[in-house]
C-alpha atoms as a PDB file:
ATOM      1  CA  UNK A   1      27.310 177.173  84.784  1.00  0.00           C
ATOM      2  CA  UNK A   2      28.681 179.667  87.321  1.00  0.00           C
ATOM      3  CA  UNK A   3      25.702 181.906  86.602  1.00  0.00           C
ATOM      4  CA  UNK A   4      23.238 179.104  87.363  1.00  0.00           C
ATOM      5  CA  UNK A   5      25.069 178.207  90.590  1.00  0.00           C
ATOM      6  CA  UNK A   6      25.189 181.867  91.650  1.00  0.00           C
ATOM      7  CA  UNK A   7      21.461 182.243  91.011  1.00  0.00           C
ATOM      8  CA  UNK A   8      20.817 179.123  93.089  1.00  0.00           C
ATOM      9  CA  UNK A   9      22.782 180.203  96.184  1.00  0.00           C
ATOM     10  CA  UNK A  10      21.702 183.847  95.986  1.00  0.00           C
ATOM     11  CA  UNK A  11      18.086 182.681  95.696  1.00  0.00           C
ATOM     12  CA  UNK A  12      18.441 180.634  98.895  1.00  0.00           C
ATOM     13  CA  UNK A  13      20.010 183.574 100.735  1.00  0.00           C
ATOM     14  CA  UNK A  14      17.615 186.256  99.537  1.00  0.00           C
ATOM     15  CA  UNK A  15      14.527 184.070 100.128  1.00  0.00           C
ATOM     16  CA  UNK A  16      15.625 183.822 103.771  1.00  0.00           C
ATOM     17  CA  UNK A  17      16.833 187.445 104.099  1.00  0.00           C
ATOM     18  CA  UNK A  18      20.335 186.225 104.944  1.00  0.00           C
ATOM     19  CA  UNK A  19      23.085 188.821 104.504  1.00  0.00           C
ATOM     20  CA  UNK A  20      26.093 187.629 102.528  1.00  0.00           C
ATOM     21  CA  UNK A  21      29.366 188.904 101.184  1.00  0.00           C
ATOM     22  CA  UNK A  22      31.040 187.645  98.001  1.00  0.00           C
ATOM     23  CA  UNK A  23      34.814 187.188  98.252  1.00  0.00           C
ATOM     24  CA  UNK A  24      37.446 185.196  96.379  1.00  0.00           C
ATOM     25  CA  UNK A  25      37.707 184.990  92.624  1.00  0.00           C
ATOM     26  CA  UNK A  26      34.173 186.173  91.906  1.00  0.00           C
ATOM     27  CA  UNK A  27      34.744 189.366  93.902  1.00  0.00           C
ATOM     28  CA  UNK A  28      38.086 189.823  92.133  1.00  0.00           C
ATOM     29  CA  UNK A  29      36.254 189.478  88.808  1.00  0.00           C
ATOM     30  CA  UNK A  30      34.010 192.353  89.850  1.00  0.00           C
ATOM     31  CA  UNK A  31      37.127 194.497  90.279  1.00  0.00           C
ATOM     32  CA  UNK A  32      38.833 193.572  87.022  1.00  0.00           C
ATOM     33  CA  UNK A  33      40.301 190.076  87.287  1.00  0.00           C
ATOM     34  CA  UNK A  34      39.783 188.078  84.117  1.00  0.00           C
ATOM     35  CA  UNK A  35      40.973 184.661  85.246  1.00  0.00           C
ATOM     36  CA  UNK A  36      38.623 181.687  85.096  1.00  0.00           C
ATOM     37  CA  UNK A  37      36.515 181.121  88.180  1.00  0.00           C
ATOM     38  CA  UNK A  38      37.285 178.007  90.208  1.00  0.00           C
ATOM     39  CA  UNK A  39      34.279 178.325  92.490  1.00  0.00           C
ATOM     40  CA  UNK A  40      31.964 180.805  94.177  1.00  0.00           C
ATOM     41  CA  UNK A  41      33.083 181.914  97.653  1.00  0.00           C
ATOM     42  CA  UNK A  42      30.984 183.853 100.125  1.00  0.00           C
ATOM     43  CA  UNK A  43      30.415 184.410 103.824  1.00  0.00           C
ATOM     44  CA  UNK A  44      27.229 184.550 105.884  1.00  0.00           C
ATOM     45  CA  UNK A  45      26.804 185.627 109.525  1.00  0.00           C
ATOM     46  CA  UNK A  46      27.311 182.764 111.967  1.00  0.00           C
ATOM     47  CA  UNK A  47      23.724 182.825 113.198  1.00  0.00           C
ATOM     48  CA  UNK A  48      22.518 182.012 109.657  1.00  0.00           C
ATOM     49  CA  UNK A  49      25.101 179.376 108.747  1.00  0.00           C
ATOM     50  CA  UNK A  50      23.087 176.298 109.789  1.00  0.00           C
ATOM     51  CA  UNK A  51      20.050 177.614 107.910  1.00  0.00           C
ATOM     52  CA  UNK A  52      22.106 177.827 104.697  1.00  0.00           C
ATOM     53  CA  UNK A  53      23.505 174.328 105.254  1.00  0.00           C
ATOM     54  CA  UNK A  54      19.987 172.968 105.784  1.00  0.00           C
ATOM     55  CA  UNK A  55      18.581 174.749 102.710  1.00  0.00           C
ATOM     56  CA  UNK A  56      21.262 173.358 100.410  1.00  0.00           C
ATOM     57  CA  UNK A  57      21.751 169.962 102.031  1.00  0.00           C
ATOM     58  CA  UNK A  58      20.990 167.887  98.915  1.00  0.00           C
ATOM     59  CA  UNK A  59      23.962 169.543  97.153  1.00  0.00           C
ATOM     60  CA  UNK A  60      26.571 169.238  99.949  1.00  0.00           C
ATOM     61  CA  UNK A  61      29.881 167.942  98.593  1.00  0.00           C
ATOM     62  CA  UNK A  62      31.990 168.787 101.661  1.00  0.00           C
ATOM     63  CA  UNK A  63      30.344 168.637 105.081  1.00  0.00           C
ATOM     64  CA  UNK A  64      29.747 171.752 107.160  1.00  0.00           C
ATOM     65  CA  UNK A  65      32.473 171.738 109.797  1.00  0.00           C
ATOM     66  CA  UNK A  66      35.681 173.422 110.852  1.00  0.00           C
ATOM     67  CA  UNK A  67      38.565 173.108 108.381  1.00  0.00           C
ATOM     68  CA  UNK A  68      42.167 174.258 108.481  1.00  0.00           C
ATOM     69  CA  UNK A  69      43.538 174.048 104.945  1.00  0.00           C
ATOM     70  CA  UNK A  70      45.098 176.065 102.124  1.00  0.00           C
ATOM     71  CA  UNK A  71      45.774 179.062 104.359  1.00  0.00           C
ATOM     72  CA  UNK A  72      42.283 179.111 105.843  1.00  0.00           C
ATOM     73  CA  UNK A  73      41.098 178.268 109.364  1.00  0.00           C
ATOM     74  CA  UNK A  74      37.304 178.471 109.377  1.00  0.00           C
ATOM     75  CA  UNK A  75      33.965 176.705 109.374  1.00  0.00           C
ATOM     76  CA  UNK A  76      32.417 176.294 105.956  1.00  0.00           C
ATOM     77  CA  UNK A  77      30.295 174.085 103.766  1.00  0.00           C
ATOM     78  CA  UNK A  78      30.874 173.242 100.130  1.00  0.00           C
ATOM     79  CA  UNK A  79      27.983 172.641  97.780  1.00  0.00           C
ATOM     80  CA  UNK A  80      28.263 171.342  94.246  1.00  0.00           C
ATOM     81  CA  UNK A  81      25.459 172.738  92.114  1.00  0.00           C
ATOM     82  CA  UNK A  82      25.372 171.846  88.395  1.00  0.00           C
ATOM     83  CA  UNK A  83      29.064 170.959  88.627  1.00  0.00           C
ATOM     84  CA  UNK A  84      30.095 174.271  90.248  1.00  0.00           C
ATOM     85  CA  UNK A  85      31.579 174.430  93.740  1.00  0.00           C
ATOM     86  CA  UNK A  86      29.883 176.974  96.007  1.00  0.00           C
ATOM     87  CA  UNK A  87      31.695 177.514  99.308  1.00  0.00           C
ATOM     88  CA  UNK A  88      29.823 179.272 102.095  1.00  0.00           C
ATOM     89  CA  UNK A  89      31.875 180.336 105.088  1.00  0.00           C
ATOM     90  CA  UNK A  90      30.675 181.044 108.597  1.00  0.00           C
ATOM     91  CA  UNK A  91      31.766 184.617 109.401  1.00  0.00           C
ATOM     92  CA  UNK A  92      32.281 183.817 113.091  1.00  0.00           C
ATOM     93  CA  UNK A  93      36.016 183.785 113.763  1.00  0.00           C
ATOM     94  CA  UNK A  94      37.740 182.827 110.519  1.00  0.00           C
ATOM     95  CA  UNK A  95      41.510 183.184 110.325  1.00  0.00           C
ATOM     96  CA  UNK A  96      43.944 183.250 107.428  1.00  0.00           C
ATOM     97  CA  UNK A  97      47.595 182.316 107.283  1.00  0.00           C
ATOM     98  CA  UNK A  98      49.959 185.231 106.891  1.00  0.00           C
ATOM     99  CA  UNK A  99      52.291 183.721 104.287  1.00  0.00           C
ATOM    100  CA  UNK A 100      55.158 186.066 105.111  1.00  0.00           C
ATOM    101  CA  UNK A 101      55.180 185.536 108.876  1.00  0.00           C
ATOM    102  CA  UNK A 102      53.643 182.039 108.979  1.00  0.00           C
ATOM    103  CA  UNK A 103      51.150 183.148 111.636  1.00  0.00           C
ATOM    104  CA  UNK A 104      47.376 183.000 111.759  1.00  0.00           C
ATOM    105  CA  UNK A 105      45.592 186.347 111.662  1.00  0.00           C
ATOM    106  CA  UNK A 106      41.911 187.116 112.256  1.00  0.00           C
ATOM    107  CA  UNK A 107      39.847 187.650 109.125  1.00  0.00           C
ATOM    108  CA  UNK A 108      37.038 189.980 110.144  1.00  0.00           C
ATOM    109  CA  UNK A 109      34.022 189.881 107.853  1.00  0.00           C
ATOM    110  CA  UNK A 110      32.179 193.217 107.970  1.00  0.00           C
ATOM    111  CA  UNK A 111      28.843 192.898 106.185  1.00  0.00           C
ATOM    112  CA  UNK A 112      28.469 196.696 106.110  1.00  0.00           C
ATOM    113  CA  UNK A 113      31.568 197.024 103.900  1.00  0.00           C
ATOM    114  CA  UNK A 114      30.581 196.053 100.381  1.00  0.00           C
ATOM    115  CA  UNK A 115      30.040 197.314  96.874  1.00  0.00           C
ATOM    116  CA  UNK A 116      27.108 196.093  94.815  1.00  0.00           C
ATOM    117  CA  UNK A 117      28.290 194.953  91.382  1.00  0.00           C
ATOM    118  CA  UNK A 118      26.361 193.270  88.583  1.00  0.00           C
ATOM    119  CA  UNK A 119      28.008 189.904  87.885  1.00  0.00           C
ATOM    120  CA  UNK A 120      26.626 186.667  86.451  1.00  0.00           C
ATOM    121  CA  UNK A 121      23.330 188.445  85.837  1.00  0.00           C
ATOM    122  CA  UNK A 122      22.890 189.341  89.520  1.00  0.00           C
ATOM    123  CA  UNK A 123      23.481 192.399  91.704  1.00  0.00           C
ATOM    124  CA  UNK A 124      25.964 191.012  94.219  1.00  0.00           C
ATOM    125  CA  UNK A 125      27.453 192.474  97.415  1.00  0.00           C
ATOM    126  CA  UNK A 126      31.211 192.206  96.887  1.00  0.00           C
ATOM    127  CA  UNK A 127      33.760 192.605  99.635  1.00  0.00           C
ATOM    128  CA  UNK A 128      35.336 196.041  99.156  1.00  0.00           C
ATOM    129  CA  UNK A 129      38.402 196.027  96.906  1.00  0.00           C
ATOM    130  CA  UNK A 130      40.647 197.250  99.754  1.00  0.00           C
ATOM    131  CA  UNK A 131      39.521 194.364 101.986  1.00  0.00           C
ATOM    132  CA  UNK A 132      39.913 191.863  99.156  1.00  0.00           C
ATOM    133  CA  UNK A 133      43.425 193.078  98.324  1.00  0.00           C
ATOM    134  CA  UNK A 134      44.355 192.961 102.027  1.00  0.00           C
ATOM    135  CA  UNK A 135      43.370 189.349 102.572  1.00  0.00           C
ATOM    136  CA  UNK A 136      44.744 188.189  99.243  1.00  0.00           C
ATOM    137  CA  UNK A 137      48.047 189.939 100.095  1.00  0.00           C
ATOM    138  CA  UNK A 138      48.183 188.163 103.443  1.00  0.00           C
ATOM    139  CA  UNK A 139      47.558 184.755 101.854  1.00  0.00           C
ATOM    140  CA  UNK A 140      49.850 185.507  98.883  1.00  0.00           C
ATOM    141  CA  UNK A 141      49.030 182.342  96.944  1.00  0.00           C
ATOM    142  CA  UNK A 142      49.747 182.567  93.186  1.00  0.00           C
ATOM    143  CA  UNK A 143      46.049 182.980  92.397  1.00  0.00           C
ATOM    144  CA  UNK A 144      45.820 185.786  94.975  1.00  0.00           C
ATOM    145  CA  UNK A 145      48.803 187.636  93.490  1.00  0.00           C
ATOM    146  CA  UNK A 146      47.210 187.351  90.048  1.00  0.00           C
ATOM    147  CA  UNK A 147      43.931 188.815  91.369  1.00  0.00           C
ATOM    148  CA  UNK A 148      45.713 191.647  93.200  1.00  0.00           C
ATOM    149  CA  UNK A 149      47.592 192.661  90.051  1.00  0.00           C
ATOM    150  CA  UNK A 150      44.367 192.738  88.043  1.00  0.00           C
ATOM    151  CA  UNK A 151      42.536 194.751  90.714  1.00  0.00           C
ATOM    152  CA  UNK A 152      45.351 197.292  91.092  1.00  0.00           C
ATOM    153  CA  UNK A 153      45.807 197.614  87.311  1.00  0.00           C
ATOM    154  CA  UNK A 154      42.168 198.564  86.967  1.00  0.00           C
ATOM    155  CA  UNK A 155      42.057 200.915  89.960  1.00  0.00           C
END
Protein backbone atom coordinates (compact mmCIF):
# COMPACT_ATOMS: atom_id res chain seq x y z
CA UNK A 1 0.00 0.00 0.00
CA UNK A 2 2.95 2.37 0.46
CA UNK A 3 3.44 2.36 -3.30
CA UNK A 4 -0.17 3.42 -3.90
CA UNK A 5 0.07 6.18 -1.28
CA UNK A 6 3.37 7.40 -2.74
CA UNK A 7 1.87 7.51 -6.23
CA UNK A 8 -1.08 9.49 -4.86
CA UNK A 9 0.95 12.21 -3.10
CA UNK A 10 3.60 12.43 -5.82
CA UNK A 11 0.82 12.77 -8.40
CA UNK A 12 -0.66 15.72 -6.49
CA UNK A 13 2.75 17.40 -6.21
CA UNK A 14 3.88 16.83 -9.78
CA UNK A 15 0.51 17.88 -11.25
CA UNK A 16 0.98 21.22 -9.48
CA UNK A 17 4.74 21.52 -10.13
CA UNK A 18 5.41 21.61 -6.39
CA UNK A 19 8.99 20.80 -5.38
CA UNK A 20 9.31 18.22 -2.62
CA UNK A 21 11.95 16.35 -0.70
CA UNK A 22 11.53 12.84 0.71
CA UNK A 23 12.96 12.34 4.21
CA UNK A 24 12.42 9.88 7.05
CA UNK A 25 12.20 6.14 6.64
CA UNK A 26 11.49 6.18 2.91
CA UNK A 27 14.65 8.21 2.25
CA UNK A 28 16.59 5.87 4.54
CA UNK A 29 15.26 2.94 2.49
CA UNK A 30 16.73 4.56 -0.61
CA UNK A 31 20.13 4.51 1.10
CA UNK A 32 20.01 0.93 2.37
CA UNK A 33 17.67 0.71 5.36
CA UNK A 34 15.54 -2.41 5.26
CA UNK A 35 13.18 -1.73 8.15
CA UNK A 36 9.43 -1.60 7.55
CA UNK A 37 8.05 1.79 6.62
CA UNK A 38 5.79 3.45 9.18
CA UNK A 39 4.71 6.28 6.90
CA UNK A 40 5.83 8.52 4.06
CA UNK A 41 7.49 11.78 5.16
CA UNK A 42 8.28 14.71 2.91
CA UNK A 43 8.65 18.48 2.88
CA UNK A 44 7.32 21.12 0.49
CA UNK A 45 8.21 24.83 0.32
CA UNK A 46 6.06 26.96 2.61
CA UNK A 47 4.43 28.85 -0.24
CA UNK A 48 2.98 25.57 -1.57
CA UNK A 49 1.89 24.03 1.73
CA UNK A 50 -1.73 25.26 1.70
CA UNK A 51 -2.13 24.07 -1.90
CA UNK A 52 -1.09 20.54 -0.87
CA UNK A 53 -3.45 20.62 2.12
CA UNK A 54 -6.32 21.73 -0.13
CA UNK A 55 -5.57 19.10 -2.79
CA UNK A 56 -5.59 16.25 -0.28
CA UNK A 57 -8.25 17.55 2.10
CA UNK A 58 -10.57 14.52 1.84
CA UNK A 59 -7.76 12.32 3.23
CA UNK A 60 -6.64 14.54 6.16
CA UNK A 61 -6.23 12.51 9.34
CA UNK A 62 -4.34 15.16 11.33
CA UNK A 63 -5.12 18.81 10.67
CA UNK A 64 -2.60 21.15 9.06
CA UNK A 65 -1.18 23.21 11.91
CA UNK A 66 1.89 23.72 14.05
CA UNK A 67 2.91 20.73 16.18
CA UNK A 68 5.66 20.21 18.72
CA UNK A 69 5.99 16.47 19.30
CA UNK A 70 8.38 13.52 19.11
CA UNK A 71 11.43 15.76 18.68
CA UNK A 72 9.84 17.88 15.96
CA UNK A 73 8.68 21.51 16.04
CA UNK A 74 7.03 22.26 12.71
CA UNK A 75 3.87 22.79 10.71
CA UNK A 76 2.61 19.72 8.92
CA UNK A 77 -0.44 17.85 7.74
CA UNK A 78 -1.05 14.13 7.93
CA UNK A 79 -3.08 12.34 5.30
CA UNK A 80 -4.23 8.75 5.47
CA UNK A 81 -4.46 7.28 1.99
CA UNK A 82 -5.44 3.60 1.62
CA UNK A 83 -4.42 3.07 5.24
CA UNK A 84 -0.95 4.65 4.84
CA UNK A 85 0.05 7.80 6.72
CA UNK A 86 1.55 10.49 4.48
CA UNK A 87 3.04 13.41 6.42
CA UNK A 88 3.80 16.60 4.51
CA UNK A 89 5.85 19.20 6.34
CA UNK A 90 6.04 22.91 5.65
CA UNK A 91 9.72 23.70 5.02
CA UNK A 92 9.43 27.17 6.57
CA UNK A 93 11.24 27.11 9.90
CA UNK A 94 11.09 23.55 11.20
CA UNK A 95 13.22 22.66 14.21
CA UNK A 96 14.33 19.35 15.69
CA UNK A 97 15.28 18.46 19.23
CA UNK A 98 18.95 17.79 19.77
CA UNK A 99 18.65 14.71 21.98
CA UNK A 100 22.12 15.10 23.46
CA UNK A 101 21.83 18.76 24.47
CA UNK A 102 18.03 18.95 24.86
CA UNK A 103 17.91 22.09 22.72
CA UNK A 104 15.96 22.93 19.59
CA UNK A 105 18.02 23.37 16.44
CA UNK A 106 16.94 24.70 13.04
CA UNK A 107 16.27 22.06 10.41
CA UNK A 108 16.99 23.73 7.08
CA UNK A 109 15.35 22.05 4.11
CA UNK A 110 17.38 22.71 0.95
CA UNK A 111 15.41 21.58 -2.10
CA UNK A 112 18.54 21.80 -4.26
CA UNK A 113 20.23 19.06 -2.21
CA UNK A 114 18.76 15.75 -3.27
CA UNK A 115 19.45 12.49 -5.02
CA UNK A 116 16.87 10.96 -7.34
CA UNK A 117 16.30 7.30 -6.45
CA UNK A 118 13.78 4.83 -7.83
CA UNK A 119 11.60 3.64 -4.94
CA UNK A 120 8.04 2.31 -4.84
CA UNK A 121 7.97 2.44 -8.63
CA UNK A 122 8.70 6.19 -8.72
CA UNK A 123 11.75 8.39 -9.26
CA UNK A 124 11.85 10.30 -5.98
CA UNK A 125 13.99 13.23 -4.79
CA UNK A 126 15.55 11.98 -1.56
CA UNK A 127 17.25 14.21 0.96
CA UNK A 128 20.99 13.64 0.56
CA UNK A 129 22.37 10.84 2.75
CA UNK A 130 24.65 13.27 4.63
CA UNK A 131 21.67 15.51 5.50
CA UNK A 132 19.56 12.52 6.48
CA UNK A 133 22.28 11.10 8.74
CA UNK A 134 22.79 14.54 10.31
CA UNK A 135 19.18 15.06 11.32
CA UNK A 136 18.69 11.47 12.40
CA UNK A 137 21.85 11.77 14.54
CA UNK A 138 20.51 14.92 16.17
CA UNK A 139 17.16 13.29 16.97
CA UNK A 140 18.80 9.98 17.98
CA UNK A 141 15.55 8.06 18.43
CA UNK A 142 15.93 4.25 18.20
CA UNK A 143 14.47 4.21 14.69
CA UNK A 144 16.92 6.94 13.64
CA UNK A 145 19.92 5.02 15.01
CA UNK A 146 18.75 1.94 13.11
CA UNK A 147 18.50 3.94 9.87
CA UNK A 148 21.92 5.56 10.38
CA UNK A 149 23.58 2.17 10.88
CA UNK A 150 22.00 0.83 7.70
CA UNK A 151 22.99 3.91 5.68
CA UNK A 152 26.59 3.89 6.94
CA UNK A 153 26.93 0.12 6.43
CA UNK A 154 25.98 0.53 2.80
CA UNK A 155 28.11 3.62 2.15
